[in-house]
């Protein structure tokens, strides 16, 4: 009787430990997935932040601001020369018209 009680208690204890272990493993995998997603979003935002900071530094630079203004207003400095390139236009080739043989032209003319 005591032996059977010990076996039952051991089985219940093992089942409880297995349940707890499996629950912890599933919880851990969920938290690990959350960590990886959060880390990926963090790195993306970090890179975006670095890019925005570098653009801010460029926009406050005197020479960059001057260059952008000159480009928008089409102005040149005294030692610069303007080179204007024409835009390339694409011309379409005319579609070939079918040329009929002379006897076919006569037949078409007569049958009309």
PDB file of N, CA and C in Angstrom:
ATOM      1  N   UNK A   1       0.821  -1.182   0.000  1.00  0.00           N
ATOM      2  CA  UNK A   1       0.000   0.000   0.000  1.00  0.00           C
ATOM      3  C   UNK A   1       0.878   1.265   0.000  1.00  0.00           C
ATOM      4  N   UNK A   2       1.861   1.281   0.849  1.00  0.00           N
ATOM      5  CA  UNK A   2       2.769   2.413   0.927  1.00  0.00           C
ATOM      6  C   UNK A   2       3.570   2.539  -0.369  1.00  0.00           C
ATOM      7  N   UNK A   3       3.939   1.417  -0.938  1.00  0.00           N
ATOM      8  CA  UNK A   3       4.697   1.389  -2.195  1.00  0.00           C
ATOM      9  C   UNK A   3       3.876   2.009  -3.321  1.00  0.00           C
ATOM     10  N   UNK A   4       2.599   1.654  -3.387  1.00  0.00           N
ATOM     11  CA  UNK A   4       1.708   2.164  -4.419  1.00  0.00           C
ATOM     12  C   UNK A   4       1.494   3.678  -4.245  1.00  0.00           C
ATOM     13  N   UNK A   5       1.409   4.142  -3.039  1.00  0.00           N
ATOM     14  CA  UNK A   5       1.241   5.566  -2.762  1.00  0.00           C
ATOM     15  C   UNK A   5       2.487   6.333  -3.200  1.00  0.00           C
ATOM     16  N   UNK A   6       3.661   5.754  -2.936  1.00  0.00           N
ATOM     17  CA  UNK A   6       4.904   6.391  -3.352  1.00  0.00           C
ATOM     18  C   UNK A   6       4.989   6.465  -4.877  1.00  0.00           C
ATOM     19  N   UNK A   7       4.578   5.384  -5.562  1.00  0.00           N
ATOM     20  CA  UNK A   7       4.599   5.377  -7.027  1.00  0.00           C
ATOM     21  C   UNK A   7       3.632   6.428  -7.588  1.00  0.00           C
ATOM     22  N   UNK A   8       2.450   6.497  -7.014  1.00  0.00           N
ATOM     23  CA  UNK A   8       1.462   7.474  -7.476  1.00  0.00           C
ATOM     24  C   UNK A   8       1.982   8.896  -7.241  1.00  0.00           C
ATOM     25  N   UNK A   9       2.561   9.120  -6.079  1.00  0.00           N
ATOM     26  CA  UNK A   9       3.110  10.433  -5.775  1.00  0.00           C
ATOM     27  C   UNK A   9       4.249  10.777  -6.734  1.00  0.00           C
ATOM     28  N   UNK A  10       5.111   9.809  -7.033  1.00  0.00           N
ATOM     29  CA  UNK A  10       6.228  10.021  -7.957  1.00  0.00           C
ATOM     30  C   UNK A  10       5.709  10.333  -9.361  1.00  0.00           C
ATOM     31  N   UNK A  11       4.694   9.605  -9.808  1.00  0.00           N
ATOM     32  CA  UNK A  11       4.125   9.837 -11.141  1.00  0.00           C
ATOM     33  C   UNK A  11       3.510  11.234 -11.222  1.00  0.00           C
ATOM     34  N   UNK A  12       2.765  11.612 -10.182  1.00  0.00           N
ATOM     35  CA  UNK A  12       2.156  12.946 -10.157  1.00  0.00           C
ATOM     36  C   UNK A  12       3.242  14.019 -10.158  1.00  0.00           C
ATOM     37  N   UNK A  13       4.298  13.801  -9.384  1.00  0.00           N
ATOM     38  CA  UNK A  13       5.395  14.760  -9.318  1.00  0.00           C
ATOM     39  C   UNK A  13       6.097  14.887 -10.670  1.00  0.00           C
ATOM     40  N   UNK A  14       6.361  13.758 -11.331  1.00  0.00           N
ATOM     41  CA  UNK A  14       7.019  13.774 -12.644  1.00  0.00           C
ATOM     42  C   UNK A  14       6.128  14.477 -13.666  1.00  0.00           C
ATOM     43  N   UNK A  15       4.829  14.182 -13.656  1.00  0.00           N
ATOM     44  CA  UNK A  15       3.910  14.838 -14.587  1.00  0.00           C
ATOM     45  C   UNK A  15       3.864  16.346 -14.345  1.00  0.00           C
ATOM     46  N   UNK A  16       3.849  16.735 -13.068  1.00  0.00           N
ATOM     47  CA  UNK A  16       3.841  18.156 -12.741  1.00  0.00           C
ATOM     48  C   UNK A  16       5.116  18.833 -13.235  1.00  0.00           C
ATOM     49  N   UNK A  17       6.260  18.183 -13.039  1.00  0.00           N
ATOM     50  CA  UNK A  17       7.530  18.754 -13.489  1.00  0.00           C
ATOM     51  C   UNK A  17       7.594  18.839 -15.014  1.00  0.00           C
ATOM     52  N   UNK A  18       7.094  17.809 -15.715  1.00  0.00           N
ATOM     53  CA  UNK A  18       7.076  17.839 -17.179  1.00  0.00           C
ATOM     54  C   UNK A  18       6.162  18.954 -17.696  1.00  0.00           C
ATOM     55  N   UNK A  19       5.008  19.102 -17.052  1.00  0.00           N
ATOM     56  CA  UNK A  19       4.084  20.170 -17.439  1.00  0.00           C
ATOM     57  C   UNK A  19       4.731  21.536 -17.237  1.00  0.00           C
ATOM     58  N   UNK A  20       5.357  21.720 -16.096  1.00  0.00           N
ATOM     59  CA  UNK A  20       6.013  22.989 -15.795  1.00  0.00           C
ATOM     60  C   UNK A  20       7.153  23.257 -16.776  1.00  0.00           C
ATOM     61  N   UNK A  21       7.925  22.218 -17.089  1.00  0.00           N
ATOM     62  CA  UNK A  21       9.032  22.363 -18.029  1.00  0.00           C
ATOM     63  C   UNK A  21       8.526  22.739 -19.416  1.00  0.00           C
ATOM     64  N   UNK A  22       7.492  22.057 -19.893  1.00  0.00           N
ATOM     65  CA  UNK A  22       6.968  22.365 -21.230  1.00  0.00           C
ATOM     66  C   UNK A  22       6.376  23.773 -21.273  1.00  0.00           C
ATOM     67  N   UNK A  23       5.693  24.164 -20.216  1.00  0.00           N
ATOM     68  CA  UNK A  23       5.124  25.509 -20.152  1.00  0.00           C
ATOM     69  C   UNK A  23       6.234  26.556 -20.193  1.00  0.00           C
ATOM     70  N   UNK A  24       7.306  26.324 -19.473  1.00  0.00           N
ATOM     71  CA  UNK A  24       8.428  27.263 -19.461  1.00  0.00           C
ATOM     72  C   UNK A  24       9.124  27.322 -20.819  1.00  0.00           C
ATOM     73  N   UNK A  25       9.243  26.185 -21.483  1.00  0.00           N
ATOM     74  CA  UNK A  25       9.890  26.162 -22.802  1.00  0.00           C
ATOM     75  C   UNK A  25       9.066  26.965 -23.802  1.00  0.00           C
ATOM     76  N   UNK A  26       7.741  26.762 -23.824  1.00  0.00           N
ATOM     77  CA  UNK A  26       6.893  27.517 -24.749  1.00  0.00           C
ATOM     78  C   UNK A  26       6.918  29.010 -24.422  1.00  0.00           C
ATOM     79  N   UNK A  27       6.923  29.325 -23.159  1.00  0.00           N
ATOM     80  CA  UNK A  27       6.995  30.727 -22.752  1.00  0.00           C
ATOM     81  C   UNK A  27       8.328  31.334 -23.183  1.00  0.00           C
ATOM     82  N   UNK A  28       9.400  30.582 -23.039  1.00  0.00           N
ATOM     83  CA  UNK A  28      10.724  31.060 -23.422  1.00  0.00           C
ATOM     84  C   UNK A  28      10.809  31.298 -24.924  1.00  0.00           C
ATOM     85  N   UNK A  29      10.270  30.377 -25.723  1.00  0.00           N
ATOM     86  CA  UNK A  29      10.333  30.559 -27.178  1.00  0.00           C
ATOM     87  C   UNK A  29       9.532  31.788 -27.605  1.00  0.00           C
ATOM     88  N   UNK A  30       8.391  32.016 -26.957  1.00  0.00           N
ATOM     89  CA  UNK A  30       7.607  33.216 -27.270  1.00  0.00           C
ATOM     90  C   UNK A  30       8.360  34.484 -26.922  1.00  0.00           C
ATOM     91  N   UNK A  31       9.001  34.487 -25.766  1.00  0.00           N
ATOM     92  CA  UNK A  31       9.766  35.664 -25.353  1.00  0.00           C
ATOM     93  C   UNK A  31      10.993  35.860 -26.237  1.00  0.00           C
ATOM     94  N   UNK A  32      11.599  34.762 -26.672  1.00  0.00           N
ATOM     95  CA  UNK A  32      12.754  34.854 -27.556  1.00  0.00           C
ATOM     96  C   UNK A  32      12.347  35.437 -28.907  1.00  0.00           C
ATOM     97  N   UNK A  33      11.200  35.015 -29.421  1.00  0.00           N
ATOM     98  CA  UNK A  33      10.694  35.566 -30.682  1.00  0.00           C
ATOM     99  C   UNK A  33      10.404  37.063 -30.530  1.00  0.00           C
ATOM    100  N   UNK A  34       9.799  37.439 -29.416  1.00  0.00           N
ATOM    101  CA  UNK A  34       9.533  38.859 -29.143  1.00  0.00           C
ATOM    102  C   UNK A  34      10.841  39.644 -29.093  1.00  0.00           C
ATOM    103  N   UNK A  35      11.863  39.071 -28.456  1.00  0.00           N
ATOM    104  CA  UNK A  35      13.161  39.736 -28.362  1.00  0.00           C
ATOM    105  C   UNK A  35      13.755  39.956 -29.743  1.00  0.00           C
ATOM    106  N   UNK A  36      13.714  38.924 -30.606  1.00  0.00           N
ATOM    107  CA  UNK A  36      14.285  39.056 -31.948  1.00  0.00           C
ATOM    108  C   UNK A  36      13.527  40.105 -32.771  1.00  0.00           C
ATOM    109  N   UNK A  37      12.204  40.109 -32.680  1.00  0.00           N
ATOM    110  CA  UNK A  37      11.412  41.108 -33.401  1.00  0.00           C
ATOM    111  C   UNK A  37      11.721  42.516 -32.899  1.00  0.00           C
ATOM    112  N   UNK A  38      11.795  42.654 -31.585  1.00  0.00           N
ATOM    113  CA  UNK A  38      12.090  43.957 -30.996  1.00  0.00           C
ATOM    114  C   UNK A  38      13.486  44.421 -31.389  1.00  0.00           C
ATOM    115  N   UNK A  39      14.443  43.501 -31.396  1.00  0.00           N
ATOM    116  CA  UNK A  39      15.823  43.834 -31.764  1.00  0.00           C
ATOM    117  C   UNK A  39      15.906  44.286 -33.228  1.00  0.00           C
ATOM    118  N   UNK A  40      15.173  43.588 -34.093  1.00  0.00           N
ATOM    119  CA  UNK A  40      15.168  43.939 -35.512  1.00  0.00           C
ATOM    120  C   UNK A  40      14.573  45.335 -35.712  1.00  0.00           C
ATOM    121  N   UNK A  41      13.455  45.612 -35.039  1.00  0.00           N
ATOM    122  CA  UNK A  41      12.842  46.942 -35.131  1.00  0.00           C
ATOM    123  C   UNK A  41      13.773  48.013 -34.571  1.00  0.00           C
ATOM    124  N   UNK A  42      14.452  47.689 -33.486  1.00  0.00           N
ATOM    125  CA  UNK A  42      15.384  48.636 -32.876  1.00  0.00           C
ATOM    126  C   UNK A  42      16.523  48.971 -33.835  1.00  0.00           C
ATOM    127  N   UNK A  43      17.093  47.955 -34.466  1.00  0.00           N
ATOM    128  CA  UNK A  43      18.199  48.192 -35.391  1.00  0.00           C
ATOM    129  C   UNK A  43      17.742  49.009 -36.597  1.00  0.00           C
ATOM    130  N   UNK A  44      16.528  48.738 -37.080  1.00  0.00           N
ATOM    131  CA  UNK A  44      15.997  49.496 -38.213  1.00  0.00           C
ATOM    132  C   UNK A  44      15.814  50.962 -37.827  1.00  0.00           C
ATOM    133  N   UNK A  45      15.254  51.211 -36.666  1.00  0.00           N
ATOM    134  CA  UNK A  45      15.056  52.587 -36.207  1.00  0.00           C
ATOM    135  C   UNK A  45      16.395  53.268 -35.904  1.00  0.00           C
ATOM    136  N   UNK A  46      17.367  52.501 -35.406  1.00  0.00           N
ATOM    137  CA  UNK A  46      18.688  53.054 -35.127  1.00  0.00           C
ATOM    138  C   UNK A  46      19.355  53.517 -36.425  1.00  0.00           C
ATOM    139  N   UNK A  47      19.270  52.685 -37.471  1.00  0.00           N
ATOM    140  CA  UNK A  47      19.836  53.065 -38.765  1.00  0.00           C
ATOM    141  C   UNK A  47      19.122  54.287 -39.342  1.00  0.00           C
ATOM    142  N   UNK A  48      17.807  54.322 -39.195  1.00  0.00           N
ATOM    143  CA  UNK A  48      17.033  55.470 -39.677  1.00  0.00           C
ATOM    144  C   UNK A  48      17.445  56.736 -38.928  1.00  0.00           C
ATOM    145  N   UNK A  49      17.671  56.605 -37.631  1.00  0.00           N
ATOM    146  CA  UNK A  49      18.094  57.743 -36.816  1.00  0.00           C
ATOM    147  C   UNK A  49      19.463  58.252 -37.262  1.00  0.00           C
ATOM    148  N   UNK A  50      20.395  57.335 -37.525  1.00  0.00           N
ATOM    149  CA  UNK A  50      21.719  57.737 -37.993  1.00  0.00           C
ATOM    150  C   UNK A  50      21.626  58.462 -39.327  1.00  0.00           C
ATOM    151  N   UNK A  51      20.786  57.949 -40.214  1.00  0.00           N
ATOM    152  CA  UNK A  51      20.620  58.565 -41.531  1.00  0.00           C
ATOM    153  C   UNK A  51      20.044  59.972 -41.392  1.00  0.00           C
ATOM    154  N   UNK A  52      19.033  60.119 -40.542  1.00  0.00           N
ATOM    155  CA  UNK A  52      18.424  61.436 -40.350  1.00  0.00           C
ATOM    156  C   UNK A  52      19.404  62.419 -39.713  1.00  0.00           C
ATOM    157  N   UNK A  53      20.209  61.937 -38.775  1.00  0.00           N
ATOM    158  CA  UNK A  53      21.201  62.822 -38.149  1.00  0.00           C
ATOM    159  C   UNK A  53      22.246  63.279 -39.160  1.00  0.00           C
ATOM    160  N   UNK A  54      22.678  62.365 -40.044  1.00  0.00           N
ATOM    161  CA  UNK A  54      23.663  62.756 -41.056  1.00  0.00           C
ATOM    162  C   UNK A  54      23.052  63.746 -42.047  1.00  0.00           C
ATOM    163  N   UNK A  55      21.776  63.559 -42.404  1.00  0.00           N
ATOM    164  CA  UNK A  55      21.115  64.523 -43.290  1.00  0.00           C
ATOM    165  C   UNK A  55      20.983  65.882 -42.608  1.00  0.00           C
ATOM    166  N   UNK A  56      20.726  65.871 -41.310  1.00  0.00           N
ATOM    167  CA  UNK A  56      20.628  67.128 -40.567  1.00  0.00           C
ATOM    168  C   UNK A  56      21.971  67.848 -40.557  1.00  0.00           C
ATOM    169  N   UNK A  57      23.051  67.096 -40.351  1.00  0.00           N
ATOM    170  CA  UNK A  57      24.381  67.705 -40.376  1.00  0.00           C
ATOM    171  C   UNK A  57      24.691  68.278 -41.755  1.00  0.00           C
ATOM    172  N   UNK A  58      24.298  67.537 -42.800  1.00  0.00           N
ATOM    173  CA  UNK A  58      24.541  68.028 -44.159  1.00  0.00           C
ATOM    174  C   UNK A  58      23.734  69.291 -44.435  1.00  0.00           C
ATOM    175  N   UNK A  59      22.506  69.319 -43.944  1.00  0.00           N
ATOM    176  CA  UNK A  59      21.649  70.472 -44.237  1.00  0.00           C
ATOM    177  C   UNK A  59      22.085  71.720 -43.486  1.00  0.00           C
ATOM    178  N   UNK A  60      22.807  71.575 -42.402  1.00  0.00           N
ATOM    179  CA  UNK A  60      23.281  72.749 -41.667  1.00  0.00           C
ATOM    180  C   UNK A  60      24.671  73.182 -42.124  1.00  0.00           C
ATOM    181  N   UNK A  61      25.310  72.414 -42.991  1.00  0.00           N
ATOM    182  CA  UNK A  61      26.623  72.772 -43.510  1.00  0.00           C
ATOM    183  C   UNK A  61      26.476  73.947 -44.484  1.00  0.00           C
ATOM    184  N   UNK A  62      27.313  74.964 -44.330  1.00  0.00           N
ATOM    185  CA  UNK A  62      27.204  76.187 -45.131  1.00  0.00           C
ATOM    186  C   UNK A  62      27.367  75.894 -46.619  1.00  0.00           C
ATOM    187  N   UNK A  63      28.366  75.104 -46.976  1.00  0.00           N
ATOM    188  CA  UNK A  63      28.644  74.850 -48.388  1.00  0.00           C
ATOM    189  C   UNK A  63      27.535  74.034 -49.048  1.00  0.00           C
ATOM    190  N   UNK A  64      26.972  73.114 -48.311  1.00  0.00           N
ATOM    191  CA  UNK A  64      25.875  72.316 -48.861  1.00  0.00           C
ATOM    192  C   UNK A  64      24.638  73.174 -49.079  1.00  0.00           C
ATOM    193  N   UNK A  65      24.335  74.033 -48.126  1.00  0.00           N
ATOM    194  CA  UNK A  65      23.172  74.927 -48.258  1.00  0.00           C
ATOM    195  C   UNK A  65      23.369  75.861 -49.447  1.00  0.00           C
ATOM    196  N   UNK A  66      24.573  76.421 -49.571  1.00  0.00           N
ATOM    197  CA  UNK A  66      24.861  77.322 -50.688  1.00  0.00           C
ATOM    198  C   UNK A  66      24.729  76.592 -52.026  1.00  0.00           C
ATOM    199  N   UNK A  67      25.237  75.388 -52.095  1.00  0.00           N
ATOM    200  CA  UNK A  67      25.169  74.609 -53.336  1.00  0.00           C
ATOM    201  C   UNK A  67      23.721  74.316 -53.719  1.00  0.00           C
ATOM    202  N   UNK A  68      22.910  73.932 -52.750  1.00  0.00           N
ATOM    203  CA  UNK A  68      21.504  73.640 -53.039  1.00  0.00           C
ATOM    204  C   UNK A  68      20.768  74.887 -53.516  1.00  0.00           C
ATOM    205  N   UNK A  69      21.035  76.016 -52.904  1.00  0.00           N
ATOM    206  CA  UNK A  69      20.376  77.262 -53.316  1.00  0.00           C
ATOM    207  C   UNK A  69      20.796  77.635 -54.729  1.00  0.00           C
ATOM    208  N   UNK A  70      22.090  77.525 -55.032  1.00  0.00           N
ATOM    209  CA  UNK A  70      22.561  77.847 -56.380  1.00  0.00           C
ATOM    210  C   UNK A  70      21.949  76.915 -57.418  1.00  0.00           C
ATOM    211  N   UNK A  71      21.801  75.634 -57.085  1.00  0.00           N
ATOM    212  CA  UNK A  71      21.195  74.699 -58.029  1.00  0.00           C
ATOM    213  C   UNK A  71      19.727  75.023 -58.264  1.00  0.00           C
ATOM    214  N   UNK A  72      19.003  75.391 -57.211  1.00  0.00           N
ATOM    215  CA  UNK A  72      17.577  75.702 -57.361  1.00  0.00           C
ATOM    216  C   UNK A  72      17.367  76.992 -58.152  1.00  0.00           C
ATOM    217  N   UNK A  73      18.246  77.967 -57.967  1.00  0.00           N
ATOM    218  CA  UNK A  73      18.096  79.250 -58.653  1.00  0.00           C
ATOM    219  C   UNK A  73      18.878  79.314 -59.960  1.00  0.00           C
ATOM    220  N   UNK A  74      19.559  78.240 -60.315  1.00  0.00           N
ATOM    221  CA  UNK A  74      20.379  78.170 -61.537  1.00  0.00           C
ATOM    222  C   UNK A  74      21.426  79.284 -61.581  1.00  0.00           C
ATOM    223  N   UNK A  75      22.117  79.469 -60.485  1.00  0.00           N
ATOM    224  CA  UNK A  75      23.169  80.472 -60.406  1.00  0.00           C
ATOM    225  C   UNK A  75      24.529  79.789 -60.428  1.00  0.00           C
ATOM    226  N   UNK A  76      25.547  80.550 -60.872  1.00  0.00           N
ATOM    227  CA  UNK A  76      26.907  80.024 -60.933  1.00  0.00           C
ATOM    228  C   UNK A  76      27.845  80.936 -60.152  1.00  0.00           C
ATOM    229  N   UNK A  77      28.930  80.344 -59.684  1.00  0.00           N
ATOM    230  CA  UNK A  77      29.982  81.146 -59.086  1.00  0.00           C
ATOM    231  C   UNK A  77      30.860  81.666 -60.224  1.00  0.00           C
ATOM    232  N   UNK A  78      31.675  82.682 -59.970  1.00  0.00           N
ATOM    233  CA  UNK A  78      32.471  83.283 -61.055  1.00  0.00           C
ATOM    234  C   UNK A  78      33.399  82.302 -61.769  1.00  0.00           C
ATOM    235  N   UNK A  79      33.926  81.307 -61.101  1.00  0.00           N
ATOM    236  CA  UNK A  79      34.867  80.391 -61.742  1.00  0.00           C
ATOM    237  C   UNK A  79      34.201  79.134 -62.307  1.00  0.00           C
ATOM    238  N   UNK A  80      32.887  79.084 -62.309  1.00  0.00           N
ATOM    239  CA  UNK A  80      32.185  77.902 -62.804  1.00  0.00           C
ATOM    240  C   UNK A  80      31.652  78.148 -64.209  1.00  0.00           C
ATOM    241  N   UNK A  81      31.518  77.050 -64.957  1.00  0.00           N
ATOM    242  CA  UNK A  81      30.934  77.108 -66.292  1.00  0.00           C
ATOM    243  C   UNK A  81      29.725  76.195 -66.325  1.00  0.00           C
ATOM    244  N   UNK A  82      28.695  76.624 -67.022  1.00  0.00           N
ATOM    245  CA  UNK A  82      27.466  75.832 -67.118  1.00  0.00           C
ATOM    246  C   UNK A  82      27.532  74.954 -68.354  1.00  0.00           C
ATOM    247  N   UNK A  83      27.236  73.703 -68.179  1.00  0.00           N
ATOM    248  CA  UNK A  83      27.135  72.761 -69.291  1.00  0.00           C
ATOM    249  C   UNK A  83      25.698  72.266 -69.303  1.00  0.00           C
ATOM    250  N   UNK A  84      24.989  72.592 -70.359  1.00  0.00           N
ATOM    251  CA  UNK A  84      23.582  72.209 -70.456  1.00  0.00           C
ATOM    252  C   UNK A  84      23.469  71.094 -71.480  1.00  0.00           C
ATOM    253  N   UNK A  85      23.015  69.958 -71.029  1.00  0.00           N
ATOM    254  CA  UNK A  85      22.841  68.812 -71.913  1.00  0.00           C
ATOM    255  C   UNK A  85      21.371  68.696 -72.286  1.00  0.00           C
ATOM    256  N   UNK A  86      21.090  68.510 -73.573  1.00  0.00           N
ATOM    257  CA  UNK A  86      19.678  68.358 -73.961  1.00  0.00           C
ATOM    258  C   UNK A  86      19.146  67.009 -73.492  1.00  0.00           C
ATOM    259  N   UNK A  87      17.860  66.995 -73.233  1.00  0.00           N
ATOM    260  CA  UNK A  87      17.239  65.741 -72.822  1.00  0.00           C
ATOM    261  C   UNK A  87      17.111  64.828 -74.035  1.00  0.00           C
ATOM    262  N   UNK A  88      17.329  63.571 -73.811  1.00  0.00           N
ATOM    263  CA  UNK A  88      17.240  62.594 -74.890  1.00  0.00           C
ATOM    264  C   UNK A  88      15.772  62.283 -75.138  1.00  0.00           C
ATOM    265  N   UNK A  89      15.360  62.457 -76.389  1.00  0.00           N
ATOM    266  CA  UNK A  89      13.977  62.125 -76.738  1.00  0.00           C
ATOM    267  C   UNK A  89      13.982  60.831 -77.539  1.00  0.00           C
ATOM    268  N   UNK A  90      13.057  60.012 -77.236  1.00  0.00           N
ATOM    269  CA  UNK A  90      12.958  58.726 -77.919  1.00  0.00           C
ATOM    270  C   UNK A  90      11.997  58.894 -79.089  1.00  0.00           C
ATOM    271  N   UNK A  91      12.484  58.605 -80.283  1.00  0.00           N
ATOM    272  CA  UNK A  91      11.620  58.674 -81.465  1.00  0.00           C
ATOM    273  C   UNK A  91      11.242  57.259 -81.852  1.00  0.00           C
ATOM    274  N   UNK A  92       9.978  57.074 -82.054  1.00  0.00           N
ATOM    275  CA  UNK A  92       9.491  55.756 -82.428  1.00  0.00           C
ATOM    276  C   UNK A  92       9.601  55.587 -83.935  1.00  0.00           C
ATOM    277  N   UNK A  93      10.029  54.420 -84.349  1.00  0.00           N
ATOM    278  CA  UNK A  93      10.121  54.121 -85.775  1.00  0.00           C
ATOM    279  C   UNK A  93       8.714  53.918 -86.321  1.00  0.00           C
ATOM    280  N   UNK A  94       8.447  54.445 -87.519  1.00  0.00           N
ATOM    281  CA  UNK A  94       7.104  54.259 -88.072  1.00  0.00           C
ATOM    282  C   UNK A  94       6.855  52.784 -88.372  1.00  0.00           C
ATOM    283  N   UNK A  95       5.613  52.396 -88.184  1.00  0.00           N
ATOM    284  CA  UNK A  95       5.284  50.994 -88.449  1.00  0.00           C
ATOM    285  C   UNK A  95       5.307  50.772 -89.961  1.00  0.00           C
ATOM    286  N   UNK A  96       5.875  49.679 -90.397  1.00  0.00           N
ATOM    287  CA  UNK A  96       5.976  49.443 -91.845  1.00  0.00           C
ATOM    288  C   UNK A  96       4.591  49.185 -92.452  1.00  0.00           C
ATOM    289  N   UNK A  97       4.349  49.851 -93.568  1.00  0.00           N
ATOM    290  CA  UNK A  97       3.082  49.626 -94.266  1.00  0.00           C
ATOM    291  C   UNK A  97       3.282  48.489 -95.257  1.00  0.00           C
ATOM    292  N   UNK A  98       2.361  47.575 -95.285  1.00  0.00           N
ATOM    293  CA  UNK A  98       2.534  46.448 -96.213  1.00  0.00           C
ATOM    294  C   UNK A  98       2.370  46.913 -97.663  1.00  0.00           C
ATOM    295  N   UNK A  99       3.323  46.554 -98.468  1.00  0.00           N
ATOM    296  CA  UNK A  99       3.287  46.900 -99.896  1.00  0.00           C
ATOM    297  C   UNK A  99       2.771  45.686-100.656  1.00  0.00           C
ATOM    298  N   UNK A 100       1.664  45.915-101.357  1.00  0.00           N
ATOM    299  CA  UNK A 100       1.062  44.815-102.115  1.00  0.00           C
ATOM    300  C   UNK A 100       1.701  44.752-103.499  1.00  0.00           C
ATOM    301  N   UNK A 101       1.659  43.602-104.047  1.00  0.00           N
ATOM    302  CA  UNK A 101       2.185  43.405-105.401  1.00  0.00           C
ATOM    303  C   UNK A 101       1.256  44.109-106.398  1.00  0.00           C
ATOM    304  N   UNK A 102       1.792  44.506-107.540  1.00  0.00           N
ATOM    305  CA  UNK A 102       0.984  45.282-108.501  1.00  0.00           C
ATOM    306  C   UNK A 102      -0.312  44.586-108.930  1.00  0.00           C
ATOM    307  N   UNK A 103      -0.274  43.294-109.167  1.00  0.00           N
ATOM    308  CA  UNK A 103      -1.501  42.621-109.597  1.00  0.00           C
ATOM    309  C   UNK A 103      -2.537  42.620-108.478  1.00  0.00           C
ATOM    310  N   UNK A 104      -2.097  42.561-107.201  1.00  0.00           N
ATOM    311  CA  UNK A 104      -3.032  42.610-106.077  1.00  0.00           C
ATOM    312  C   UNK A 104      -3.647  44.010-105.963  1.00  0.00           C
ATOM    313  N   UNK A 105      -2.863  45.037-106.248  1.00  0.00           N
ATOM    314  CA  UNK A 105      -3.388  46.399-106.230  1.00  0.00           C
ATOM    315  C   UNK A 105      -4.457  46.583-107.307  1.00  0.00           C
ATOM    316  N   UNK A 106      -4.224  46.011-108.500  1.00  0.00           N
ATOM    317  CA  UNK A 106      -5.212  46.108-109.581  1.00  0.00           C
ATOM    318  C   UNK A 106      -6.492  45.370-109.200  1.00  0.00           C
ATOM    319  N   UNK A 107      -6.353  44.209-108.576  1.00  0.00           N
ATOM    320  CA  UNK A 107      -7.540  43.438-108.183  1.00  0.00           C
ATOM    321  C   UNK A 107      -8.332  44.212-107.135  1.00  0.00           C
ATOM    322  N   UNK A 108      -7.647  44.821-106.181  1.00  0.00           N
ATOM    323  CA  UNK A 108      -8.329  45.606-105.153  1.00  0.00           C
ATOM    324  C   UNK A 108      -9.025  46.822-105.762  1.00  0.00           C
ATOM    325  N   UNK A 109      -8.380  47.453-106.739  1.00  0.00           N
ATOM    326  CA  UNK A 109      -8.960  48.618-107.383  1.00  0.00           C
ATOM    327  C   UNK A 109     -10.218  48.253-108.167  1.00  0.00           C
ATOM    328  N   UNK A 110     -10.197  47.121-108.866  1.00  0.00           N
ATOM    329  CA  UNK A 110     -11.332  46.695-109.680  1.00  0.00           C
ATOM    330  C   UNK A 110     -12.486  46.238-108.793  1.00  0.00           C
ATOM    331  N   UNK A 111     -12.209  45.551-107.709  1.00  0.00           N
ATOM    332  CA  UNK A 111     -13.275  45.004-106.868  1.00  0.00           C
ATOM    333  C   UNK A 111     -13.925  46.057-105.975  1.00  0.00           C
ATOM    334  N   UNK A 112     -13.383  47.194-105.864  1.00  0.00           N
ATOM    335  CA  UNK A 112     -13.981  48.214-104.996  1.00  0.00           C
ATOM    336  C   UNK A 112     -15.177  48.840-105.558  1.00  0.00           C
TER     337      UNK A 112
END
